[in-house]
Amino acid sequence: KRPGYTHAAFIVDSMDELVEWLARENI
């Protein structure tokens, strides 16, 4: 595990809606 930026984090209004959208988008 080398040092470095590992991810960006975003805020969403609804996790449930995000999960549904990700499924529809095949992500």
mmCIF file of all heavy atoms, coordinates in Angstrom:
data_MODEL
# 
_entry.id   MODEL 
# 
loop_
_atom_site.group_PDB 
_atom_site.id 
_atom_site.type_symbol 
_atom_site.label_atom_id 
_atom_site.label_alt_id 
_atom_site.label_comp_id 
_atom_site.label_asym_id 
_atom_site.label_entity_id 
_atom_site.label_seq_id 
_atom_site.pdbx_PDB_ins_code 
_atom_site.Cartn_x 
_atom_site.Cartn_y 
_atom_site.Cartn_z 
_atom_site.occupancy 
_atom_site.B_iso_or_equiv 
_atom_site.pdbx_formal_charge 
_atom_site.auth_seq_id 
_atom_site.auth_comp_id 
_atom_site.auth_asym_id 
_atom_site.auth_atom_id 
_atom_site.pdbx_PDB_model_num 
ATOM 1   N N   . LYS A 1 1  ? 0.843   -1.200 0.000   1.00 0.00 ? 1  LYS A N   1 
ATOM 2   C CA  . LYS A 1 1  ? 0.000   0.000  0.000   1.00 0.00 ? 1  LYS A CA  1 
ATOM 3   C C   . LYS A 1 1  ? 0.875   1.245  0.000   1.00 0.00 ? 1  LYS A C   1 
ATOM 4   O O   . LYS A 1 1  ? 1.471   1.606  1.009   1.00 0.00 ? 1  LYS A O   1 
ATOM 5   C CB  . LYS A 1 1  ? -0.943  0.016  1.216   1.00 0.00 ? 1  LYS A CB  1 
ATOM 6   C CG  . LYS A 1 1  ? -1.852  -1.200 1.289   1.00 0.00 ? 1  LYS A CG  1 
ATOM 7   C CD  . LYS A 1 1  ? -2.725  -1.319 0.052   1.00 0.00 ? 1  LYS A CD  1 
ATOM 8   C CE  . LYS A 1 1  ? -3.676  -2.487 0.186   1.00 0.00 ? 1  LYS A CE  1 
ATOM 9   N NZ  . LYS A 1 1  ? -4.046  -3.097 -1.055  1.00 0.00 ? 1  LYS A NZ  1 
ATOM 10  N N   . ARG A 1 2  ? 0.974   1.882  -1.127  1.00 0.00 ? 2  ARG A N   1 
ATOM 11  C CA  . ARG A 1 2  ? 1.767   3.097  -1.297  1.00 0.00 ? 2  ARG A CA  1 
ATOM 12  C C   . ARG A 1 2  ? 0.956   4.315  -0.883  1.00 0.00 ? 2  ARG A C   1 
ATOM 13  O O   . ARG A 1 2  ? -0.270  4.318  -0.982  1.00 0.00 ? 2  ARG A O   1 
ATOM 14  C CB  . ARG A 1 2  ? 2.182   3.251  -2.760  1.00 0.00 ? 2  ARG A CB  1 
ATOM 15  C CG  . ARG A 1 2  ? 2.902   2.052  -3.300  1.00 0.00 ? 2  ARG A CG  1 
ATOM 16  C CD  . ARG A 1 2  ? 4.385   2.322  -3.417  1.00 0.00 ? 2  ARG A CD  1 
ATOM 17  N NE  . ARG A 1 2  ? 5.059   1.186  -4.042  1.00 0.00 ? 2  ARG A NE  1 
ATOM 18  C CZ  . ARG A 1 2  ? 5.983   0.486  -3.433  1.00 0.00 ? 2  ARG A CZ  1 
ATOM 19  N NH1 . ARG A 1 2  ? 6.356   0.789  -2.222  1.00 0.00 ? 2  ARG A NH1 1 
ATOM 20  N NH2 . ARG A 1 2  ? 6.558   -0.514 -4.049  1.00 0.00 ? 2  ARG A NH2 1 
ATOM 21  N N   . PRO A 1 3  ? 1.587   5.396  -0.465  1.00 0.00 ? 3  PRO A N   1 
ATOM 22  C CA  . PRO A 1 3  ? 0.871   6.618  -0.140  1.00 0.00 ? 3  PRO A CA  1 
ATOM 23  C C   . PRO A 1 3  ? 0.276   7.239  -1.400  1.00 0.00 ? 3  PRO A C   1 
ATOM 24  O O   . PRO A 1 3  ? 0.812   7.079  -2.493  1.00 0.00 ? 3  PRO A O   1 
ATOM 25  C CB  . PRO A 1 3  ? 1.946   7.542  0.439   1.00 0.00 ? 3  PRO A CB  1 
ATOM 26  C CG  . PRO A 1 3  ? 3.163   6.729  0.631   1.00 0.00 ? 3  PRO A CG  1 
ATOM 27  C CD  . PRO A 1 3  ? 3.016   5.489  -0.177  1.00 0.00 ? 3  PRO A CD  1 
ATOM 28  N N   . GLY A 1 4  ? -0.812  7.941  -1.231  1.00 0.00 ? 4  GLY A N   1 
ATOM 29  C CA  . GLY A 1 4  ? -1.443  8.648  -2.341  1.00 0.00 ? 4  GLY A CA  1 
ATOM 30  C C   . GLY A 1 4  ? -2.928  8.812  -2.074  1.00 0.00 ? 4  GLY A C   1 
ATOM 31  O O   . GLY A 1 4  ? -3.480  8.224  -1.147  1.00 0.00 ? 4  GLY A O   1 
ATOM 32  N N   . TYR A 1 5  ? -3.574  9.609  -2.889  1.00 0.00 ? 5  TYR A N   1 
ATOM 33  C CA  . TYR A 1 5  ? -5.020  9.801  -2.765  1.00 0.00 ? 5  TYR A CA  1 
ATOM 34  C C   . TYR A 1 5  ? -5.722  8.528  -3.204  1.00 0.00 ? 5  TYR A C   1 
ATOM 35  O O   . TYR A 1 5  ? -5.439  8.001  -4.275  1.00 0.00 ? 5  TYR A O   1 
ATOM 36  C CB  . TYR A 1 5  ? -5.482  10.971 -3.630  1.00 0.00 ? 5  TYR A CB  1 
ATOM 37  C CG  . TYR A 1 5  ? -4.951  12.293 -3.149  1.00 0.00 ? 5  TYR A CG  1 
ATOM 38  C CD1 . TYR A 1 5  ? -3.832  12.862 -3.733  1.00 0.00 ? 5  TYR A CD1 1 
ATOM 39  C CD2 . TYR A 1 5  ? -5.561  12.947 -2.094  1.00 0.00 ? 5  TYR A CD2 1 
ATOM 40  C CE1 . TYR A 1 5  ? -3.337  14.069 -3.284  1.00 0.00 ? 5  TYR A CE1 1 
ATOM 41  C CE2 . TYR A 1 5  ? -5.067  14.154 -1.639  1.00 0.00 ? 5  TYR A CE2 1 
ATOM 42  C CZ  . TYR A 1 5  ? -3.958  14.716 -2.235  1.00 0.00 ? 5  TYR A CZ  1 
ATOM 43  O OH  . TYR A 1 5  ? -3.474  15.909 -1.785  1.00 0.00 ? 5  TYR A OH  1 
ATOM 44  N N   . THR A 1 6  ? -6.633  8.047  -2.399  1.00 0.00 ? 6  THR A N   1 
ATOM 45  C CA  . THR A 1 6  ? -7.283  6.780  -2.727  1.00 0.00 ? 6  THR A CA  1 
ATOM 46  C C   . THR A 1 6  ? -8.693  6.933  -3.276  1.00 0.00 ? 6  THR A C   1 
ATOM 47  O O   . THR A 1 6  ? -9.167  6.046  -3.976  1.00 0.00 ? 6  THR A O   1 
ATOM 48  C CB  . THR A 1 6  ? -7.346  5.854  -1.495  1.00 0.00 ? 6  THR A CB  1 
ATOM 49  O OG1 . THR A 1 6  ? -8.080  6.519  -0.465  1.00 0.00 ? 6  THR A OG1 1 
ATOM 50  C CG2 . THR A 1 6  ? -5.951  5.491  -1.020  1.00 0.00 ? 6  THR A CG2 1 
ATOM 51  N N   . HIS A 1 7  ? -9.380  8.049  -2.963  1.00 0.00 ? 7  HIS A N   1 
ATOM 52  C CA  . HIS A 1 7  ? -10.734 8.197  -3.484  1.00 0.00 ? 7  HIS A CA  1 
ATOM 53  C C   . HIS A 1 7  ? -11.244 9.613  -3.263  1.00 0.00 ? 7  HIS A C   1 
ATOM 54  O O   . HIS A 1 7  ? -10.698 10.365 -2.469  1.00 0.00 ? 7  HIS A O   1 
ATOM 55  C CB  . HIS A 1 7  ? -11.689 7.190  -2.840  1.00 0.00 ? 7  HIS A CB  1 
ATOM 56  C CG  . HIS A 1 7  ? -11.922 7.409  -1.380  1.00 0.00 ? 7  HIS A CG  1 
ATOM 57  N ND1 . HIS A 1 7  ? -11.019 7.007  -0.414  1.00 0.00 ? 7  HIS A ND1 1 
ATOM 58  C CD2 . HIS A 1 7  ? -12.942 8.000  -0.710  1.00 0.00 ? 7  HIS A CD2 1 
ATOM 59  C CE1 . HIS A 1 7  ? -11.490 7.332  0.783   1.00 0.00 ? 7  HIS A CE1 1 
ATOM 60  N NE2 . HIS A 1 7  ? -12.650 7.948  0.628   1.00 0.00 ? 7  HIS A NE2 1 
ATOM 61  N N   . ALA A 1 8  ? -12.312 9.921  -3.985  1.00 0.00 ? 8  ALA A N   1 
ATOM 62  C CA  . ALA A 1 8  ? -13.068 11.157 -3.769  1.00 0.00 ? 8  ALA A CA  1 
ATOM 63  C C   . ALA A 1 8  ? -14.402 10.750 -3.170  1.00 0.00 ? 8  ALA A C   1 
ATOM 64  O O   . ALA A 1 8  ? -14.946 9.697  -3.509  1.00 0.00 ? 8  ALA A O   1 
ATOM 65  C CB  . ALA A 1 8  ? -13.277 11.889 -5.089  1.00 0.00 ? 8  ALA A CB  1 
ATOM 66  N N   . ALA A 1 9  ? -14.924 11.562 -2.264  1.00 0.00 ? 9  ALA A N   1 
ATOM 67  C CA  . ALA A 1 9  ? -16.194 11.239 -1.603  1.00 0.00 ? 9  ALA A CA  1 
ATOM 68  C C   . ALA A 1 9  ? -17.207 12.345 -1.897  1.00 0.00 ? 9  ALA A C   1 
ATOM 69  O O   . ALA A 1 9  ? -16.882 13.530 -1.831  1.00 0.00 ? 9  ALA A O   1 
ATOM 70  C CB  . ALA A 1 9  ? -15.992 11.087 -0.100  1.00 0.00 ? 9  ALA A CB  1 
ATOM 71  N N   . PHE A 1 10 ? -18.425 11.935 -2.212  1.00 0.00 ? 10 PHE A N   1 
ATOM 72  C CA  . PHE A 1 10 ? -19.495 12.849 -2.579  1.00 0.00 ? 10 PHE A CA  1 
ATOM 73  C C   . PHE A 1 10 ? -20.688 12.640 -1.652  1.00 0.00 ? 10 PHE A C   1 
ATOM 74  O O   . PHE A 1 10 ? -20.889 11.542 -1.133  1.00 0.00 ? 10 PHE A O   1 
ATOM 75  C CB  . PHE A 1 10 ? -19.933 12.609 -4.028  1.00 0.00 ? 10 PHE A CB  1 
ATOM 76  C CG  . PHE A 1 10 ? -18.803 12.713 -5.012  1.00 0.00 ? 10 PHE A CG  1 
ATOM 77  C CD1 . PHE A 1 10 ? -18.109 11.580 -5.414  1.00 0.00 ? 10 PHE A CD1 1 
ATOM 78  C CD2 . PHE A 1 10 ? -18.421 13.933 -5.525  1.00 0.00 ? 10 PHE A CD2 1 
ATOM 79  C CE1 . PHE A 1 10 ? -17.063 11.668 -6.324  1.00 0.00 ? 10 PHE A CE1 1 
ATOM 80  C CE2 . PHE A 1 10 ? -17.374 14.037 -6.437  1.00 0.00 ? 10 PHE A CE2 1 
ATOM 81  C CZ  . PHE A 1 10 ? -16.696 12.900 -6.828  1.00 0.00 ? 10 PHE A CZ  1 
ATOM 82  N N   . ILE A 1 11 ? -21.487 13.661 -1.470  1.00 0.00 ? 11 ILE A N   1 
ATOM 83  C CA  . ILE A 1 11 ? -22.700 13.587 -0.652  1.00 0.00 ? 11 ILE A CA  1 
ATOM 84  C C   . ILE A 1 11 ? -23.904 13.522 -1.574  1.00 0.00 ? 11 ILE A C   1 
ATOM 85  O O   . ILE A 1 11 ? -24.005 14.300 -2.532  1.00 0.00 ? 11 ILE A O   1 
ATOM 86  C CB  . ILE A 1 11 ? -22.801 14.808 0.288   1.00 0.00 ? 11 ILE A CB  1 
ATOM 87  C CG1 . ILE A 1 11 ? -21.636 14.800 1.274   1.00 0.00 ? 11 ILE A CG1 1 
ATOM 88  C CG2 . ILE A 1 11 ? -24.135 14.816 1.028   1.00 0.00 ? 11 ILE A CG2 1 
ATOM 89  C CD1 . ILE A 1 11 ? -21.510 16.069 2.096   1.00 0.00 ? 11 ILE A CD1 1 
ATOM 90  N N   . VAL A 1 12 ? -24.817 12.596 -1.287  1.00 0.00 ? 12 VAL A N   1 
ATOM 91  C CA  . VAL A 1 12 ? -26.076 12.475 -2.034  1.00 0.00 ? 12 VAL A CA  1 
ATOM 92  C C   . VAL A 1 12 ? -27.239 12.635 -1.064  1.00 0.00 ? 12 VAL A C   1 
ATOM 93  O O   . VAL A 1 12 ? -27.090 12.428 0.140   1.00 0.00 ? 12 VAL A O   1 
ATOM 94  C CB  . VAL A 1 12 ? -26.181 11.116 -2.764  1.00 0.00 ? 12 VAL A CB  1 
ATOM 95  C CG1 . VAL A 1 12 ? -25.101 11.000 -3.840  1.00 0.00 ? 12 VAL A CG1 1 
ATOM 96  C CG2 . VAL A 1 12 ? -26.093 9.945  -1.805  1.00 0.00 ? 12 VAL A CG2 1 
ATOM 97  N N   . ASP A 1 13 ? -28.402 13.008 -1.603  1.00 0.00 ? 13 ASP A N   1 
ATOM 98  C CA  . ASP A 1 13 ? -29.588 13.192 -0.775  1.00 0.00 ? 13 ASP A CA  1 
ATOM 99  C C   . ASP A 1 13 ? -30.163 11.865 -0.283  1.00 0.00 ? 13 ASP A C   1 
ATOM 100 O O   . ASP A 1 13 ? -30.644 11.769 0.836   1.00 0.00 ? 13 ASP A O   1 
ATOM 101 C CB  . ASP A 1 13 ? -30.673 13.953 -1.539  1.00 0.00 ? 13 ASP A CB  1 
ATOM 102 C CG  . ASP A 1 13 ? -30.306 15.402 -1.763  1.00 0.00 ? 13 ASP A CG  1 
ATOM 103 O OD1 . ASP A 1 13 ? -29.529 15.971 -0.960  1.00 0.00 ? 13 ASP A OD1 1 
ATOM 104 O OD2 . ASP A 1 13 ? -30.793 15.970 -2.755  1.00 0.00 ? 13 ASP A OD2 1 
ATOM 105 N N   . SER A 1 14 ? -30.137 10.846 -1.148  1.00 0.00 ? 14 SER A N   1 
ATOM 106 C CA  . SER A 1 14 ? -30.761 9.569  -0.799  1.00 0.00 ? 14 SER A CA  1 
ATOM 107 C C   . SER A 1 14 ? -29.891 8.407  -1.256  1.00 0.00 ? 14 SER A C   1 
ATOM 108 O O   . SER A 1 14 ? -29.680 8.218  -2.462  1.00 0.00 ? 14 SER A O   1 
ATOM 109 C CB  . SER A 1 14 ? -32.140 9.458  -1.458  1.00 0.00 ? 14 SER A CB  1 
ATOM 110 O OG  . SER A 1 14 ? -32.640 8.145  -1.326  1.00 0.00 ? 14 SER A OG  1 
ATOM 111 N N   . MET A 1 15 ? -29.429 7.627  -0.299  1.00 0.00 ? 15 MET A N   1 
ATOM 112 C CA  . MET A 1 15 ? -28.632 6.458  -0.615  1.00 0.00 ? 15 MET A CA  1 
ATOM 113 C C   . MET A 1 15 ? -29.470 5.421  -1.361  1.00 0.00 ? 15 MET A C   1 
ATOM 114 O O   . MET A 1 15 ? -28.996 4.800  -2.313  1.00 0.00 ? 15 MET A O   1 
ATOM 115 C CB  . MET A 1 15 ? -28.075 5.859  0.680   1.00 0.00 ? 15 MET A CB  1 
ATOM 116 C CG  . MET A 1 15 ? -27.054 4.789  0.434   1.00 0.00 ? 15 MET A CG  1 
ATOM 117 S SD  . MET A 1 15 ? -25.655 5.362  -0.539  1.00 0.00 ? 15 MET A SD  1 
ATOM 118 C CE  . MET A 1 15 ? -24.966 6.611  0.530   1.00 0.00 ? 15 MET A CE  1 
ATOM 119 N N   . ASP A 1 16 ? -30.737 5.264  -0.947  1.00 0.00 ? 16 ASP A N   1 
ATOM 120 C CA  . ASP A 1 16 ? -31.603 4.289  -1.607  1.00 0.00 ? 16 ASP A CA  1 
ATOM 121 C C   . ASP A 1 16 ? -31.782 4.630  -3.082  1.00 0.00 ? 16 ASP A C   1 
ATOM 122 O O   . ASP A 1 16 ? -31.720 3.749  -3.947  1.00 0.00 ? 16 ASP A O   1 
ATOM 123 C CB  . ASP A 1 16 ? -32.959 4.211  -0.902  1.00 0.00 ? 16 ASP A CB  1 
ATOM 124 C CG  . ASP A 1 16 ? -32.852 3.642  0.505   1.00 0.00 ? 16 ASP A CG  1 
ATOM 125 O OD1 . ASP A 1 16 ? -31.901 2.869  0.773   1.00 0.00 ? 16 ASP A OD1 1 
ATOM 126 O OD2 . ASP A 1 16 ? -33.706 3.983  1.338   1.00 0.00 ? 16 ASP A OD2 1 
ATOM 127 N N   . GLU A 1 17 ? -32.006 5.914  -3.382  1.00 0.00 ? 17 GLU A N   1 
ATOM 128 C CA  . GLU A 1 17 ? -32.148 6.322  -4.779  1.00 0.00 ? 17 GLU A CA  1 
ATOM 129 C C   . GLU A 1 17 ? -30.851 6.111  -5.550  1.00 0.00 ? 17 GLU A C   1 
ATOM 130 O O   . GLU A 1 17 ? -30.876 5.716  -6.718  1.00 0.00 ? 17 GLU A O   1 
ATOM 131 C CB  . GLU A 1 17 ? -32.582 7.789  -4.867  1.00 0.00 ? 17 GLU A CB  1 
ATOM 132 C CG  . GLU A 1 17 ? -34.014 8.014  -4.457  1.00 0.00 ? 17 GLU A CG  1 
ATOM 133 C CD  . GLU A 1 17 ? -34.414 9.478  -4.508  1.00 0.00 ? 17 GLU A CD  1 
ATOM 134 O OE1 . GLU A 1 17 ? -33.788 10.258 -5.268  1.00 0.00 ? 17 GLU A OE1 1 
ATOM 135 O OE2 . GLU A 1 17 ? -35.365 9.841  -3.791  1.00 0.00 ? 17 GLU A OE2 1 
ATOM 136 N N   . LEU A 1 18 ? -29.718 6.373  -4.907  1.00 0.00 ? 18 LEU A N   1 
ATOM 137 C CA  . LEU A 1 18 ? -28.438 6.148  -5.571  1.00 0.00 ? 18 LEU A CA  1 
ATOM 138 C C   . LEU A 1 18 ? -28.246 4.672  -5.899  1.00 0.00 ? 18 LEU A C   1 
ATOM 139 O O   . LEU A 1 18 ? -27.865 4.320  -7.016  1.00 0.00 ? 18 LEU A O   1 
ATOM 140 C CB  . LEU A 1 18 ? -27.273 6.643  -4.712  1.00 0.00 ? 18 LEU A CB  1 
ATOM 141 C CG  . LEU A 1 18 ? -25.888 6.342  -5.294  1.00 0.00 ? 18 LEU A CG  1 
ATOM 142 C CD1 . LEU A 1 18 ? -25.656 7.109  -6.586  1.00 0.00 ? 18 LEU A CD1 1 
ATOM 143 C CD2 . LEU A 1 18 ? -24.804 6.650  -4.282  1.00 0.00 ? 18 LEU A CD2 1 
ATOM 144 N N   . VAL A 1 19 ? -28.543 3.798  -4.949  1.00 0.00 ? 19 VAL A N   1 
ATOM 145 C CA  . VAL A 1 19 ? -28.388 2.357  -5.171  1.00 0.00 ? 19 VAL A CA  1 
ATOM 146 C C   . VAL A 1 19 ? -29.271 1.908  -6.340  1.00 0.00 ? 19 VAL A C   1 
ATOM 147 O O   . VAL A 1 19 ? -28.835 1.136  -7.204  1.00 0.00 ? 19 VAL A O   1 
ATOM 148 C CB  . VAL A 1 19 ? -28.697 1.570  -3.879  1.00 0.00 ? 19 VAL A CB  1 
ATOM 149 C CG1 . VAL A 1 19 ? -28.792 0.079  -4.148  1.00 0.00 ? 19 VAL A CG1 1 
ATOM 150 C CG2 . VAL A 1 19 ? -27.636 1.861  -2.820  1.00 0.00 ? 19 VAL A CG2 1 
ATOM 151 N N   . GLU A 1 20 ? -30.505 2.393  -6.387  1.00 0.00 ? 20 GLU A N   1 
ATOM 152 C CA  . GLU A 1 20 ? -31.412 2.050  -7.493  1.00 0.00 ? 20 GLU A CA  1 
ATOM 153 C C   . GLU A 1 20 ? -30.858 2.564  -8.821  1.00 0.00 ? 20 GLU A C   1 
ATOM 154 O O   . GLU A 1 20 ? -30.891 1.859  -9.835  1.00 0.00 ? 20 GLU A O   1 
ATOM 155 C CB  . GLU A 1 20 ? -32.803 2.625  -7.238  1.00 0.00 ? 20 GLU A CB  1 
ATOM 156 C CG  . GLU A 1 20 ? -33.529 1.958  -6.095  1.00 0.00 ? 20 GLU A CG  1 
ATOM 157 C CD  . GLU A 1 20 ? -34.820 2.688  -5.704  1.00 0.00 ? 20 GLU A CD  1 
ATOM 158 O OE1 . GLU A 1 20 ? -35.250 3.595  -6.449  1.00 0.00 ? 20 GLU A OE1 1 
ATOM 159 O OE2 . GLU A 1 20 ? -35.372 2.342  -4.645  1.00 0.00 ? 20 GLU A OE2 1 
ATOM 160 N N   . TRP A 1 21 ? -30.352 3.806  -8.824  1.00 0.00 ? 21 TRP A N   1 
ATOM 161 C CA  . TRP A 1 21 ? -29.800 4.385  -10.049 1.00 0.00 ? 21 TRP A CA  1 
ATOM 162 C C   . TRP A 1 21 ? -28.579 3.598  -10.520 1.00 0.00 ? 21 TRP A C   1 
ATOM 163 O O   . TRP A 1 21 ? -28.443 3.307  -11.715 1.00 0.00 ? 21 TRP A O   1 
ATOM 164 C CB  . TRP A 1 21 ? -29.432 5.859  -9.805  1.00 0.00 ? 21 TRP A CB  1 
ATOM 165 C CG  . TRP A 1 21 ? -28.888 6.525  -11.024 1.00 0.00 ? 21 TRP A CG  1 
ATOM 166 C CD1 . TRP A 1 21 ? -29.601 7.095  -12.048 1.00 0.00 ? 21 TRP A CD1 1 
ATOM 167 C CD2 . TRP A 1 21 ? -27.506 6.678  -11.375 1.00 0.00 ? 21 TRP A CD2 1 
ATOM 168 N NE1 . TRP A 1 21 ? -28.743 7.599  -12.999 1.00 0.00 ? 21 TRP A NE1 1 
ATOM 169 C CE2 . TRP A 1 21 ? -27.448 7.352  -12.608 1.00 0.00 ? 21 TRP A CE2 1 
ATOM 170 C CE3 . TRP A 1 21 ? -26.315 6.315  -10.755 1.00 0.00 ? 21 TRP A CE3 1 
ATOM 171 C CZ2 . TRP A 1 21 ? -26.251 7.672  -13.238 1.00 0.00 ? 21 TRP A CZ2 1 
ATOM 172 C CZ3 . TRP A 1 21 ? -25.120 6.628  -11.385 1.00 0.00 ? 21 TRP A CZ3 1 
ATOM 173 C CH2 . TRP A 1 21 ? -25.101 7.302  -12.610 1.00 0.00 ? 21 TRP A CH2 1 
ATOM 174 N N   . LEU A 1 22 ? -27.693 3.247  -9.603  1.00 0.00 ? 22 LEU A N   1 
ATOM 175 C CA  . LEU A 1 22 ? -26.507 2.467  -9.971  1.00 0.00 ? 22 LEU A CA  1 
ATOM 176 C C   . LEU A 1 22 ? -26.904 1.141  -10.611 1.00 0.00 ? 22 LEU A C   1 
ATOM 177 O O   . LEU A 1 22 ? -26.307 0.715  -11.603 1.00 0.00 ? 22 LEU A O   1 
ATOM 178 C CB  . LEU A 1 22 ? -25.617 2.232  -8.748  1.00 0.00 ? 22 LEU A CB  1 
ATOM 179 C CG  . LEU A 1 22 ? -24.914 3.463  -8.180  1.00 0.00 ? 22 LEU A CG  1 
ATOM 180 C CD1 . LEU A 1 22 ? -24.298 3.149  -6.817  1.00 0.00 ? 22 LEU A CD1 1 
ATOM 181 C CD2 . LEU A 1 22 ? -23.873 4.018  -9.143  1.00 0.00 ? 22 LEU A CD2 1 
ATOM 182 N N   . ALA A 1 23 ? -27.933 0.498  -10.070 1.00 0.00 ? 23 ALA A N   1 
ATOM 183 C CA  . ALA A 1 23 ? -28.411 -0.771 -10.642 1.00 0.00 ? 23 ALA A CA  1 
ATOM 184 C C   . ALA A 1 23 ? -28.932 -0.553 -12.062 1.00 0.00 ? 23 ALA A C   1 
ATOM 185 O O   . ALA A 1 23 ? -28.610 -1.336 -12.969 1.00 0.00 ? 23 ALA A O   1 
ATOM 186 C CB  . ALA A 1 23 ? -29.490 -1.382 -9.749  1.00 0.00 ? 23 ALA A CB  1 
ATOM 187 N N   . ARG A 1 24 ? -29.730 0.491  -12.251 1.00 0.00 ? 24 ARG A N   1 
ATOM 188 C CA  . ARG A 1 24 ? -30.263 0.788  -13.599 1.00 0.00 ? 24 ARG A CA  1 
ATOM 189 C C   . ARG A 1 24 ? -29.149 1.102  -14.593 1.00 0.00 ? 24 ARG A C   1 
ATOM 190 O O   . ARG A 1 24 ? -29.250 0.772  -15.774 1.00 0.00 ? 24 ARG A O   1 
ATOM 191 C CB  . ARG A 1 24 ? -31.231 1.971  -13.558 1.00 0.00 ? 24 ARG A CB  1 
ATOM 192 C CG  . ARG A 1 24 ? -32.594 1.645  -13.006 1.00 0.00 ? 24 ARG A CG  1 
ATOM 193 C CD  . ARG A 1 24 ? -33.606 2.750  -13.272 1.00 0.00 ? 24 ARG A CD  1 
ATOM 194 N NE  . ARG A 1 24 ? -33.169 4.075  -12.882 1.00 0.00 ? 24 ARG A NE  1 
ATOM 195 C CZ  . ARG A 1 24 ? -33.310 4.620  -11.670 1.00 0.00 ? 24 ARG A CZ  1 
ATOM 196 N NH1 . ARG A 1 24 ? -33.876 3.917  -10.707 1.00 0.00 ? 24 ARG A NH1 1 
ATOM 197 N NH2 . ARG A 1 24 ? -32.896 5.843  -11.428 1.00 0.00 ? 24 ARG A NH2 1 
ATOM 198 N N   . GLU A 1 25 ? -28.091 1.749  -14.117 1.00 0.00 ? 25 GLU A N   1 
ATOM 199 C CA  . GLU A 1 25 ? -26.977 2.140  -14.977 1.00 0.00 ? 25 GLU A CA  1 
ATOM 200 C C   . GLU A 1 25 ? -25.926 1.039  -15.124 1.00 0.00 ? 25 GLU A C   1 
ATOM 201 O O   . GLU A 1 25 ? -24.913 1.241  -15.796 1.00 0.00 ? 25 GLU A O   1 
ATOM 202 C CB  . GLU A 1 25 ? -26.313 3.411  -14.427 1.00 0.00 ? 25 GLU A CB  1 
ATOM 203 C CG  . GLU A 1 25 ? -27.188 4.633  -14.497 1.00 0.00 ? 25 GLU A CG  1 
ATOM 204 C CD  . GLU A 1 25 ? -27.422 5.100  -15.929 1.00 0.00 ? 25 GLU A CD  1 
ATOM 205 O OE1 . GLU A 1 25 ? -26.460 5.128  -16.714 1.00 0.00 ? 25 GLU A OE1 1 
ATOM 206 O OE2 . GLU A 1 25 ? -28.582 5.439  -16.253 1.00 0.00 ? 25 GLU A OE2 1 
ATOM 207 N N   . ASN A 1 26 ? -26.156 -0.106 -14.470 1.00 0.00 ? 26 ASN A N   1 
ATOM 208 C CA  . ASN A 1 26 ? -25.195 -1.220 -14.498 1.00 0.00 ? 26 ASN A CA  1 
ATOM 209 C C   . ASN A 1 26 ? -23.810 -0.803 -14.004 1.00 0.00 ? 26 ASN A C   1 
ATOM 210 O O   . ASN A 1 26 ? -22.787 -1.195 -14.558 1.00 0.00 ? 26 ASN A O   1 
ATOM 211 C CB  . ASN A 1 26 ? -25.103 -1.842 -15.894 1.00 0.00 ? 26 ASN A CB  1 
ATOM 212 C CG  . ASN A 1 26 ? -26.381 -2.528 -16.279 1.00 0.00 ? 26 ASN A CG  1 
ATOM 213 O OD1 . ASN A 1 26 ? -26.956 -3.271 -15.484 1.00 0.00 ? 26 ASN A OD1 1 
ATOM 214 N ND2 . ASN A 1 26 ? -26.849 -2.269 -17.485 1.00 0.00 ? 26 ASN A ND2 1 
ATOM 215 N N   . ILE A 1 27 ? -23.806 0.013  -12.958 1.00 0.00 ? 27 ILE A N   1 
ATOM 216 C CA  . ILE A 1 27 ? -22.552 0.401  -12.306 1.00 0.00 ? 27 ILE A CA  1 
ATOM 217 C C   . ILE A 1 27 ? -22.454 -0.403 -11.016 1.00 0.00 ? 27 ILE A C   1 
ATOM 218 O O   . ILE A 1 27 ? -23.314 -0.304 -10.143 1.00 0.00 ? 27 ILE A O   1 
ATOM 219 C CB  . ILE A 1 27 ? -22.514 1.916  -12.012 1.00 0.00 ? 27 ILE A CB  1 
ATOM 220 C CG1 . ILE A 1 27 ? -22.600 2.719  -13.333 1.00 0.00 ? 27 ILE A CG1 1 
ATOM 221 C CG2 . ILE A 1 27 ? -21.256 2.278  -11.224 1.00 0.00 ? 27 ILE A CG2 1 
ATOM 222 C CD1 . ILE A 1 27 ? -22.739 4.212  -13.140 1.00 0.00 ? 27 ILE A CD1 1 
# 
